PDB file of N, CA and C in Angstrom:
ATOM      1  N   MET A   1      77.437 160.463  98.031  1.00  0.00           N
ATOM      2  CA  MET A   1      77.595 159.282  98.891  1.00  0.00           C
ATOM      3  C   MET A   1      79.069 158.999  99.153  1.00  0.00           C
ATOM      4  N   ASN A   2      79.450 158.762 100.289  1.00  0.00           N
ATOM      5  CA  ASN A   2      80.843 158.451 100.504  1.00  0.00           C
ATOM      6  C   ASN A   2      81.191 157.037 100.067  1.00  0.00           C
ATOM      7  N   ARG A   3      82.411 156.639  99.940  1.00  0.00           N
ATOM      8  CA  ARG A   3      82.922 155.392  99.391  1.00  0.00           C
ATOM      9  C   ARG A   3      82.444 154.182 100.271  1.00  0.00           C
ATOM     10  N   ILE A   4      82.480 154.350 101.634  1.00  0.00           N
ATOM     11  CA  ILE A   4      82.092 153.139 102.447  1.00  0.00           C
ATOM     12  C   ILE A   4      80.539 152.907 102.419  1.00  0.00           C
ATOM     13  N   ALA A   5      79.741 153.942 102.217  1.00  0.00           N
ATOM     14  CA  ALA A   5      78.280 153.729 102.006  1.00  0.00           C
ATOM     15  C   ALA A   5      78.068 153.044 100.719  1.00  0.00           C
ATOM     16  N   ARG A   6      78.792 153.347  99.774  1.00  0.00           N
ATOM     17  CA  ARG A   6      78.624 152.780  98.280  1.00  0.00           C
ATOM     18  C   ARG A   6      79.055 151.368  98.372  1.00  0.00           C
ATOM     19  N   ILE A   7      80.057 151.002  99.163  1.00  0.00           N
ATOM     20  CA  ILE A   7      80.596 149.583  99.169  1.00  0.00           C
ATOM     21  C   ILE A   7      79.513 148.861  99.940  1.00  0.00           C
ATOM     22  N   ALA A   8      78.994 149.332 101.086  1.00  0.00           N
ATOM     23  CA  ALA A   8      77.923 148.555 101.890  1.00  0.00           C
ATOM     24  C   ALA A   8      76.678 148.347 101.062  1.00  0.00           C
ATOM     25  N   LEU A   9      76.287 149.396 100.300  1.00  0.00           N
ATOM     26  CA  LEU A   9      75.077 149.253  99.511  1.00  0.00           C
ATOM     27  C   LEU A   9      75.246 148.153  98.416  1.00  0.00           C
ATOM     28  N   ALA A  10      76.564 148.205  97.759  1.00  0.00           N
ATOM     29  CA  ALA A  10      76.745 147.329  96.764  1.00  0.00           C
ATOM     30  C   ALA A  10      76.796 145.872  97.411  1.00  0.00           C
ATOM     31  N   GLY A  11      77.371 145.649  98.463  1.00  0.00           N
ATOM     32  CA  GLY A  11      77.347 144.355  99.171  1.00  0.00           C
ATOM     33  C   GLY A  11      75.951 143.935  99.493  1.00  0.00           C
ATOM     34  N   THR A  12      75.132 144.760 100.019  1.00  0.00           N
ATOM     35  CA  THR A  12      73.895 144.524 100.296  1.00  0.00           C
ATOM     36  C   THR A  12      73.020 143.969  99.110  1.00  0.00           C
ATOM     37  N   LEU A  13      73.282 144.723  97.945  1.00  0.00           N
ATOM     38  CA  LEU A  13      72.462 144.292  96.699  1.00  0.00           C
ATOM     39  C   LEU A  13      72.972 142.933  96.240  1.00  0.00           C
ATOM     40  N   VAL A  14      74.299 142.702  96.331  1.00  0.00           N
ATOM     41  CA  VAL A  14      74.847 141.378  95.878  1.00  0.00           C
ATOM     42  C   VAL A  14      74.261 140.289  96.765  1.00  0.00           C
ATOM     43  N   LEU A  15      74.320 140.454  98.028  1.00  0.00           N
ATOM     44  CA  LEU A  15      73.717 139.404  98.974  1.00  0.00           C
ATOM     45  C   LEU A  15      72.273 139.166  98.679  1.00  0.00           C
ATOM     46  N   GLY A  16      71.512 140.182  98.354  1.00  0.00           N
ATOM     47  CA  GLY A  16      70.091 140.141  98.117  1.00  0.00           C
ATOM     48  C   GLY A  16      69.840 139.367  96.783  1.00  0.00           C
ATOM     49  N   VAL A  17      70.600 139.619  95.785  1.00  0.00           N
ATOM     50  CA  VAL A  17      70.632 138.710  94.630  1.00  0.00           C
ATOM     51  C   VAL A  17      70.904 137.306  94.816  1.00  0.00           C
ATOM     52  N   LEU A  18      72.042 137.058  95.357  1.00  0.00           N
ATOM     53  CA  LEU A  18      72.394 135.688  95.680  1.00  0.00           C
ATOM     54  C   LEU A  18      71.352 134.994  96.577  1.00  0.00           C
ATOM     55  N   ALA A  19      70.795 135.700  97.532  1.00  0.00           N
ATOM     56  CA  ALA A  19      69.676 135.066  98.291  1.00  0.00           C
ATOM     57  C   ALA A  19      68.454 134.697  97.510  1.00  0.00           C
ATOM     58  N   GLY A  20      68.221 135.587  96.505  1.00  0.00           N
ATOM     59  CA  GLY A  20      67.135 135.242  95.690  1.00  0.00           C
ATOM     60  C   GLY A  20      67.384 134.145  94.673  1.00  0.00           C
ATOM     61  N   VAL A  21      68.599 133.849  94.254  1.00  0.00           N
ATOM     62  CA  VAL A  21      68.864 132.902  93.401  1.00  0.00           C
ATOM     63  C   VAL A  21      69.018 131.522  94.054  1.00  0.00           C
ATOM     64  N   ALA A  22      69.551 131.452  95.283  1.00  0.00           N
ATOM     65  CA  ALA A  22      69.717 130.210  95.923  1.00  0.00           C
ATOM     66  C   ALA A  22      69.367 130.338  97.310  1.00  0.00           C
ATOM     67  N   PRO A  23      68.198 130.189  97.707  1.00  0.00           N
ATOM     68  CA  PRO A  23      67.855 130.326  99.115  1.00  0.00           C
ATOM     69  C   PRO A  23      68.383 129.194  99.911  1.00  0.00           C
ATOM     70  N   SER A  24      68.714 129.486 101.210  1.00  0.00           N
ATOM     71  CA  SER A  24      69.180 128.331 101.981  1.00  0.00           C
ATOM     72  C   SER A  24      67.968 127.609 102.487  1.00  0.00           C
ATOM     73  N   ALA A  25      68.288 126.360 103.007  1.00  0.00           N
ATOM     74  CA  ALA A  25      67.286 125.477 103.422  1.00  0.00           C
ATOM     75  C   ALA A  25      66.462 126.130 104.488  1.00  0.00           C
ATOM     76  N   SER A  26      67.020 126.823 105.493  1.00  0.00           N
ATOM     77  CA  SER A  26      66.305 127.507 106.449  1.00  0.00           C
ATOM     78  C   SER A  26      65.483 128.640 106.071  1.00  0.00           C
ATOM     79  N   ALA A  27      65.946 129.286 104.931  1.00  0.00           N
ATOM     80  CA  ALA A  27      65.140 130.335 104.387  1.00  0.00           C
ATOM     81  C   ALA A  27      63.942 129.830 103.599  1.00  0.00           C
ATOM     82  N   ALA A  28      64.072 128.601 103.034  1.00  0.00           N
ATOM     83  CA  ALA A  28      62.931 128.045 102.349  1.00  0.00           C
ATOM     84  C   ALA A  28      61.945 127.406 103.270  1.00  0.00           C
ATOM     85  N   GLY A  29      62.189 127.453 104.518  1.00  0.00           N
ATOM     86  CA  GLY A  29      61.280 126.850 105.517  1.00  0.00           C
ATOM     87  C   GLY A  29      61.553 125.409 105.881  1.00  0.00           C
ATOM     88  N   ASN A  30      62.806 125.007 105.466  1.00  0.00           N
ATOM     89  CA  ASN A  30      63.222 123.579 105.741  1.00  0.00           C
ATOM     90  C   ASN A  30      64.479 123.762 106.931  1.00  0.00           C
ATOM     91  N   PRO A  31      64.242 123.262 107.969  1.00  0.00           N
ATOM     92  CA  PRO A  31      65.237 123.502 109.015  1.00  0.00           C
ATOM     93  C   PRO A  31      66.533 122.505 109.001  1.00  0.00           C
ATOM     94  N   GLY A  32      66.499 121.679 107.843  1.00  0.00           N
ATOM     95  CA  GLY A  32      67.690 120.858 107.639  1.00  0.00           C
ATOM     96  C   GLY A  32      67.597 119.494 108.346  1.00  0.00           C
ATOM     97  N   CYS A  33      66.461 119.248 108.981  1.00  0.00           N
ATOM     98  CA  CYS A  33      66.223 117.879 109.574  1.00  0.00           C
ATOM     99  C   CYS A  33      65.209 117.263 108.634  1.00  0.00           C
ATOM    100  N   ILE A  34      65.137 115.810 108.680  1.00  0.00           N
ATOM    101  CA  ILE A  34      64.326 115.140 107.804  1.00  0.00           C
ATOM    102  C   ILE A  34      62.941 114.769 108.409  1.00  0.00           C
ATOM    103  N   THR A  35      62.009 114.936 107.740  1.00  0.00           N
ATOM    104  CA  THR A  35      60.564 114.700 108.252  1.00  0.00           C
ATOM    105  C   THR A  35      60.262 113.339 107.471  1.00  0.00           C
ATOM    106  N   ARG A  36      59.286 112.774 108.031  1.00  0.00           N
ATOM    107  CA  ARG A  36      58.784 111.423 107.366  1.00  0.00           C
ATOM    108  C   ARG A  36      58.280 111.590 105.936  1.00  0.00           C
ATOM    109  N   SER A  37      57.665 112.861 105.702  1.00  0.00           N
ATOM    110  CA  SER A  37      57.045 112.996 104.323  1.00  0.00           C
ATOM    111  C   SER A  37      58.436 113.179 103.341  1.00  0.00           C
ATOM    112  N   GLU A  38      59.423 113.907 103.869  1.00  0.00           N
ATOM    113  CA  GLU A  38      60.543 114.198 103.015  1.00  0.00           C
ATOM    114  C   GLU A  38      61.333 112.880 102.769  1.00  0.00           C
ATOM    115  N   PHE A  39      61.340 111.938 103.788  1.00  0.00           N
ATOM    116  CA  PHE A  39      61.887 110.609 103.652  1.00  0.00           C
ATOM    117  C   PHE A  39      61.185 109.903 102.493  1.00  0.00           C
ATOM    118  N   ARG A  40      59.908 109.950 102.595  1.00  0.00           N
ATOM    119  CA  ARG A  40      59.078 109.178 101.550  1.00  0.00           C
ATOM    120  C   ARG A  40      59.293 109.671 100.147  1.00  0.00           C
ATOM    121  N   ARG A  41      59.780 110.949 100.029  1.00  0.00           N
ATOM    122  CA  ARG A  41      60.168 111.460  98.566  1.00  0.00           C
ATOM    123  C   ARG A  41      61.383 111.134  98.134  1.00  0.00           C
ATOM    124  N   VAL A  42      62.252 110.550  98.952  1.00  0.00           N
ATOM    125  CA  VAL A  42      63.527 110.193  98.476  1.00  0.00           C
ATOM    126  C   VAL A  42      63.326 108.734  97.963  1.00  0.00           C
ATOM    127  N   LYS A  43      63.858 108.618  96.730  1.00  0.00           N
ATOM    128  CA  LYS A  43      63.634 107.319  96.064  1.00  0.00           C
ATOM    129  C   LYS A  43      65.035 106.703  95.579  1.00  0.00           C
ATOM    130  N   ASN A  44      64.938 105.449  95.468  1.00  0.00           N
ATOM    131  CA  ASN A  44      66.218 104.726  94.886  1.00  0.00           C
ATOM    132  C   ASN A  44      66.676 105.348  93.650  1.00  0.00           C
ATOM    133  N   GLY A  45      67.964 105.493  93.521  1.00  0.00           N
ATOM    134  CA  GLY A  45      68.571 106.056  92.274  1.00  0.00           C
ATOM    135  C   GLY A  45      68.827 107.498  92.241  1.00  0.00           C
ATOM    136  N   MET A  46      68.367 108.161  93.275  1.00  0.00           N
ATOM    137  CA  MET A  46      68.642 109.584  93.426  1.00  0.00           C
ATOM    138  C   MET A  46      70.023 109.846  93.833  1.00  0.00           C
ATOM    139  N   THR A  47      70.547 111.053  93.471  1.00  0.00           N
ATOM    140  CA  THR A  47      71.840 111.441  93.762  1.00  0.00           C
ATOM    141  C   THR A  47      71.853 112.195  95.101  1.00  0.00           C
ATOM    142  N   LEU A  48      72.915 112.400  95.771  1.00  0.00           N
ATOM    143  CA  LEU A  48      73.003 113.134  96.984  1.00  0.00           C
ATOM    144  C   LEU A  48      72.443 114.593  96.871  1.00  0.00           C
ATOM    145  N   THR A  49      72.834 115.299  95.627  1.00  0.00           N
ATOM    146  CA  THR A  49      72.323 116.529  95.364  1.00  0.00           C
ATOM    147  C   THR A  49      70.782 116.618  95.402  1.00  0.00           C
ATOM    148  N   GLN A  50      70.135 115.614  94.799  1.00  0.00           N
ATOM    149  CA  GLN A  50      68.739 115.458  94.759  1.00  0.00           C
ATOM    150  C   GLN A  50      68.104 115.350  96.057  1.00  0.00           C
ATOM    151  N   VAL A  51      68.745 114.461  96.981  1.00  0.00           N
ATOM    152  CA  VAL A  51      68.306 114.357  98.315  1.00  0.00           C
ATOM    153  C   VAL A  51      68.529 115.573  99.073  1.00  0.00           C
ATOM    154  N   LYS A  52      69.651 116.368  99.024  1.00  0.00           N
ATOM    155  CA  LYS A  52      69.818 117.572  99.707  1.00  0.00           C
ATOM    156  C   LYS A  52      68.742 118.617  99.268  1.00  0.00           C
ATOM    157  N   ARG A  53      68.223 118.548  97.972  1.00  0.00           N
ATOM    158  CA  ARG A  53      67.192 119.527  97.696  1.00  0.00           C
ATOM    159  C   ARG A  53      65.931 119.239  98.469  1.00  0.00           C
ATOM    160  N   ILE A  54      65.596 117.979  98.728  1.00  0.00           N
ATOM    161  CA  ILE A  54      64.480 117.523  99.492  1.00  0.00           C
ATOM    162  C   ILE A  54      64.638 117.833 100.907  1.00  0.00           C
ATOM    163  N   VAL A  55      65.717 117.356 101.538  1.00  0.00           N
ATOM    164  CA  VAL A  55      65.939 117.410 103.064  1.00  0.00           C
ATOM    165  C   VAL A  55      66.446 118.694 103.501  1.00  0.00           C
ATOM    166  N   GLY A  56      67.303 119.357 102.728  1.00  0.00           N
ATOM    167  CA  GLY A  56      67.886 120.596 103.146  1.00  0.00           C
ATOM    168  C   GLY A  56      69.139 120.332 103.817  1.00  0.00           C
ATOM    169  N   SER A  57      69.760 119.154 103.796  1.00  0.00           N
ATOM    170  CA  SER A  57      71.035 118.864 104.503  1.00  0.00           C
ATOM    171  C   SER A  57      71.635 117.636 103.730  1.00  0.00           C
ATOM    172  N   ALA A  58      72.854 117.521 103.830  1.00  0.00           N
ATOM    173  CA  ALA A  58      73.556 116.299 103.191  1.00  0.00           C
ATOM    174  C   ALA A  58      73.881 115.200 104.208  1.00  0.00           C
ATOM    175  N   GLY A  59      73.358 115.555 105.469  1.00  0.00           N
ATOM    176  CA  GLY A  59      73.528 114.533 106.557  1.00  0.00           C
ATOM    177  C   GLY A  59      74.968 114.355 106.959  1.00  0.00           C
ATOM    178  N   ARG A  60      75.356 113.326 107.689  1.00  0.00           N
ATOM    179  CA  ARG A  60      76.498 113.140 108.234  1.00  0.00           C
ATOM    180  C   ARG A  60      76.979 111.696 107.816  1.00  0.00           C
ATOM    181  N   VAL A  61      78.246 111.546 107.269  1.00  0.00           N
ATOM    182  CA  VAL A  61      78.661 110.347 106.856  1.00  0.00           C
ATOM    183  C   VAL A  61      78.967 109.483 108.180  1.00  0.00           C
ATOM    184  N   SER A  62      78.224 108.273 108.150  1.00  0.00           N
ATOM    185  CA  SER A  62      78.497 107.410 109.291  1.00  0.00           C
ATOM    186  C   SER A  62      79.406 106.198 108.853  1.00  0.00           C
ATOM    187  N   LEU A  63      79.404 105.880 107.646  1.00  0.00           N
ATOM    188  CA  LEU A  63      80.204 104.849 107.005  1.00  0.00           C
ATOM    189  C   LEU A  63      80.568 105.296 105.548  1.00  0.00           C
ATOM    190  N   SER A  64      81.874 105.012 105.332  1.00  0.00           N
ATOM    191  CA  SER A  64      82.378 105.242 103.948  1.00  0.00           C
ATOM    192  C   SER A  64      83.248 104.196 103.646  1.00  0.00           C
ATOM    193  N   SER A  65      82.953 103.289 102.753  1.00  0.00           N
ATOM    194  CA  SER A  65      83.713 102.146 102.176  1.00  0.00           C
ATOM    195  C   SER A  65      83.410 102.109 100.847  1.00  0.00           C
ATOM    196  N   PRO A  66      83.990 102.888  99.905  1.00  0.00           N
ATOM    197  CA  PRO A  66      83.635 102.918  98.546  1.00  0.00           C
ATOM    198  C   PRO A  66      83.405 101.532  97.945  1.00  0.00           C
ATOM    199  N   PRO A  67      82.398 101.366  97.218  1.00  0.00           N
ATOM    200  CA  PRO A  67      81.437 102.280  96.612  1.00  0.00           C
ATOM    201  C   PRO A  67      80.183 102.606  97.576  1.00  0.00           C
ATOM    202  N   ILE A  68      80.339 102.102  98.797  1.00  0.00           N
ATOM    203  CA  ILE A  68      79.008 102.417  99.712  1.00  0.00           C
ATOM    204  C   ILE A  68      79.388 103.591 100.703  1.00  0.00           C
ATOM    205  N   VAL A  69      78.416 104.530 100.784  1.00  0.00           N
ATOM    206  CA  VAL A  69      78.436 105.472 101.762  1.00  0.00           C
ATOM    207  C   VAL A  69      77.019 105.558 102.446  1.00  0.00           C
ATOM    208  N   ILE A  70      77.034 105.450 103.837  1.00  0.00           N
ATOM    209  CA  ILE A  70      75.873 105.595 104.549  1.00  0.00           C
ATOM    210  C   ILE A  70      75.906 106.985 105.174  1.00  0.00           C
ATOM    211  N   ARG A  71      74.793 107.738 105.096  1.00  0.00           N
ATOM    212  CA  ARG A  71      74.588 109.084 105.702  1.00  0.00           C
ATOM    213  C   ARG A  71      73.531 109.005 106.809  1.00  0.00           C
ATOM    214  N   ASP A  72      73.869 109.484 107.963  1.00  0.00           N
ATOM    215  CA  ASP A  72      72.633 109.688 108.930  1.00  0.00           C
ATOM    216  C   ASP A  72      72.210 111.071 108.877  1.00  0.00           C
ATOM    217  N   PHE A  73      70.935 111.113 109.028  1.00  0.00           N
ATOM    218  CA  PHE A  73      70.147 112.487 108.917  1.00  0.00           C
ATOM    219  C   PHE A  73      69.485 112.692 110.290  1.00  0.00           C
ATOM    220  N   THR A  74      69.495 113.964 110.743  1.00  0.00           N
ATOM    221  CA  THR A  74      68.971 114.315 111.918  1.00  0.00           C
ATOM    222  C   THR A  74      67.316 114.449 111.558  1.00  0.00           C
ATOM    223  N   THR A  75      66.603 113.733 112.409  1.00  0.00           N
ATOM    224  CA  THR A  75      65.136 113.711 112.243  1.00  0.00           C
ATOM    225  C   THR A  75      64.437 114.865 112.844  1.00  0.00           C
ATOM    226  N   CYS A  76      63.418 115.287 112.415  1.00  0.00           N
ATOM    227  CA  CYS A  76      62.706 116.427 112.960  1.00  0.00           C
ATOM    228  C   CYS A  76      61.992 116.069 114.262  1.00  0.00           C
ATOM    229  N   THR A  77      61.721 114.847 114.421  1.00  0.00           N
ATOM    230  CA  THR A  77      60.926 114.271 115.699  1.00  0.00           C
ATOM    231  C   THR A  77      62.018 113.573 116.575  1.00  0.00           C
ATOM    232  N   ARG A  78      61.855 113.918 117.787  1.00  0.00           N
ATOM    233  CA  ARG A  78      62.735 113.182 118.707  1.00  0.00           C
ATOM    234  C   ARG A  78      62.528 111.771 118.788  1.00  0.00           C
ATOM    235  N   PHE A  79      63.676 111.045 119.104  1.00  0.00           N
ATOM    236  CA  PHE A  79      63.706 109.583 119.228  1.00  0.00           C
ATOM    237  C   PHE A  79      63.455 108.791 118.033  1.00  0.00           C
ATOM    238  N   HIS A  80      63.676 109.389 116.837  1.00  0.00           N
ATOM    239  CA  HIS A  80      63.678 108.768 115.635  1.00  0.00           C
ATOM    240  C   HIS A  80      65.099 108.639 114.937  1.00  0.00           C
ATOM    241  N   VAL A  81      65.242 107.701 114.195  1.00  0.00           N
ATOM    242  CA  VAL A  81      66.499 107.566 113.493  1.00  0.00           C
ATOM    243  C   VAL A  81      66.285 107.524 111.992  1.00  0.00           C
ATOM    244  N   SER A  82      67.248 108.061 111.206  1.00  0.00           N
ATOM    245  CA  SER A  82      67.137 108.065 109.752  1.00  0.00           C
ATOM    246  C   SER A  82      68.469 107.896 109.137  1.00  0.00           C
ATOM    247  N   ASN A  83      68.583 106.967 108.205  1.00  0.00           N
ATOM    248  CA  ASN A  83      69.902 107.038 107.336  1.00  0.00           C
ATOM    249  C   ASN A  83      69.564 106.490 105.933  1.00  0.00           C
ATOM    250  N   ILE A  84      70.421 106.995 105.104  1.00  0.00           N
ATOM    251  CA  ILE A  84      70.253 106.613 103.689  1.00  0.00           C
ATOM    252  C   ILE A  84      71.583 106.089 103.153  1.00  0.00           C
ATOM    253  N   THR A  85      71.445 104.918 102.414  1.00  0.00           N
ATOM    254  CA  THR A  85      72.582 104.227 101.837  1.00  0.00           C
ATOM    255  C   THR A  85      72.801 104.676 100.404  1.00  0.00           C
ATOM    256  N   PHE A  86      74.102 105.055 100.053  1.00  0.00           N
ATOM    257  CA  PHE A  86      74.314 105.440  98.679  1.00  0.00           C
ATOM    258  C   PHE A  86      75.339 104.359  98.108  1.00  0.00           C
ATOM    259  N   TRP A  87      75.033 103.894  96.988  1.00  0.00           N
ATOM    260  CA  TRP A  87      75.903 102.871  96.295  1.00  0.00           C
ATOM    261  C   TRP A  87      76.413 103.528  95.046  1.00  0.00           C
ATOM    262  N   SER A  88      77.636 103.791  94.879  1.00  0.00           N
ATOM    263  CA  SER A  88      78.206 104.520  93.678  1.00  0.00           C
ATOM    264  C   SER A  88      77.517 105.880  93.472  1.00  0.00           C
ATOM    265  N   GLY A  89      77.207 106.515  94.572  1.00  0.00           N
ATOM    266  CA  GLY A  89      76.614 107.935  94.498  1.00  0.00           C
ATOM    267  C   GLY A  89      75.106 107.876  94.325  1.00  0.00           C
ATOM    268  N   ARG A  90      74.498 106.832  94.300  1.00  0.00           N
ATOM    269  CA  ARG A  90      73.030 106.837  94.120  1.00  0.00           C
ATOM    270  C   ARG A  90      72.316 106.132  95.316  1.00  0.00           C
ATOM    271  N   VAL A  91      71.170 106.598  95.592  1.00  0.00           N
ATOM    272  CA  VAL A  91      70.414 105.966  96.821  1.00  0.00           C
ATOM    273  C   VAL A  91      70.157 104.407  96.545  1.00  0.00           C
ATOM    274  N   ASP A  92      70.581 103.692  97.490  1.00  0.00           N
ATOM    275  CA  ASP A  92      70.399 102.258  97.261  1.00  0.00           C
ATOM    276  C   ASP A  92      69.432 101.698  98.364  1.00  0.00           C
ATOM    277  N   GLY A  93      69.359 102.394  99.466  1.00  0.00           N
ATOM    278  CA  GLY A  93      68.496 101.967 100.660  1.00  0.00           C
ATOM    279  C   GLY A  93      68.248 103.026 101.530  1.00  0.00           C
ATOM    280  N   LYS A  94      67.299 102.947 102.401  1.00  0.00           N
ATOM    281  CA  LYS A  94      66.999 103.951 103.275  1.00  0.00           C
ATOM    282  C   LYS A  94      66.256 103.509 104.512  1.00  0.00           C
ATOM    283  N   LEU A  95      66.421 104.089 105.682  1.00  0.00           N
ATOM    284  CA  LEU A  95      65.831 103.729 106.946  1.00  0.00           C
ATOM    285  C   LEU A  95      65.349 104.916 107.670  1.00  0.00           C
ATOM    286  N   TYR A  96      64.044 104.728 108.167  1.00  0.00           N
ATOM    287  CA  TYR A  96      63.463 105.840 109.038  1.00  0.00           C
ATOM    288  C   TYR A  96      62.669 105.040 110.235  1.00  0.00           C
ATOM    289  N   ILE A  97      63.213 105.137 111.361  1.00  0.00           N
ATOM    290  CA  ILE A  97      62.581 104.474 112.531  1.00  0.00           C
ATOM    291  C   ILE A  97      62.186 105.544 113.554  1.00  0.00           C
TER     292      ILE A  97
END
């Protein structure tokens, strides 16, 4: 096998292993938008990392005035709005309309 083919094969194997270890949100069947059921699973006291595991996205910061950060999340349903308020890095409030 020539050198280029071996490098390509090694790269494919590494990517396959990484994909198996940490699947992306879209690979896991989560398009990165928040559904009402995902919203209900988010509880006060959760960290951003825990919210990202549920939603598949970190959202977009709409207000940052430490210790408060408000993140807007794209909803999977049109004409809805969702945001989550973090106080000192923990969920303190949430809104889904």
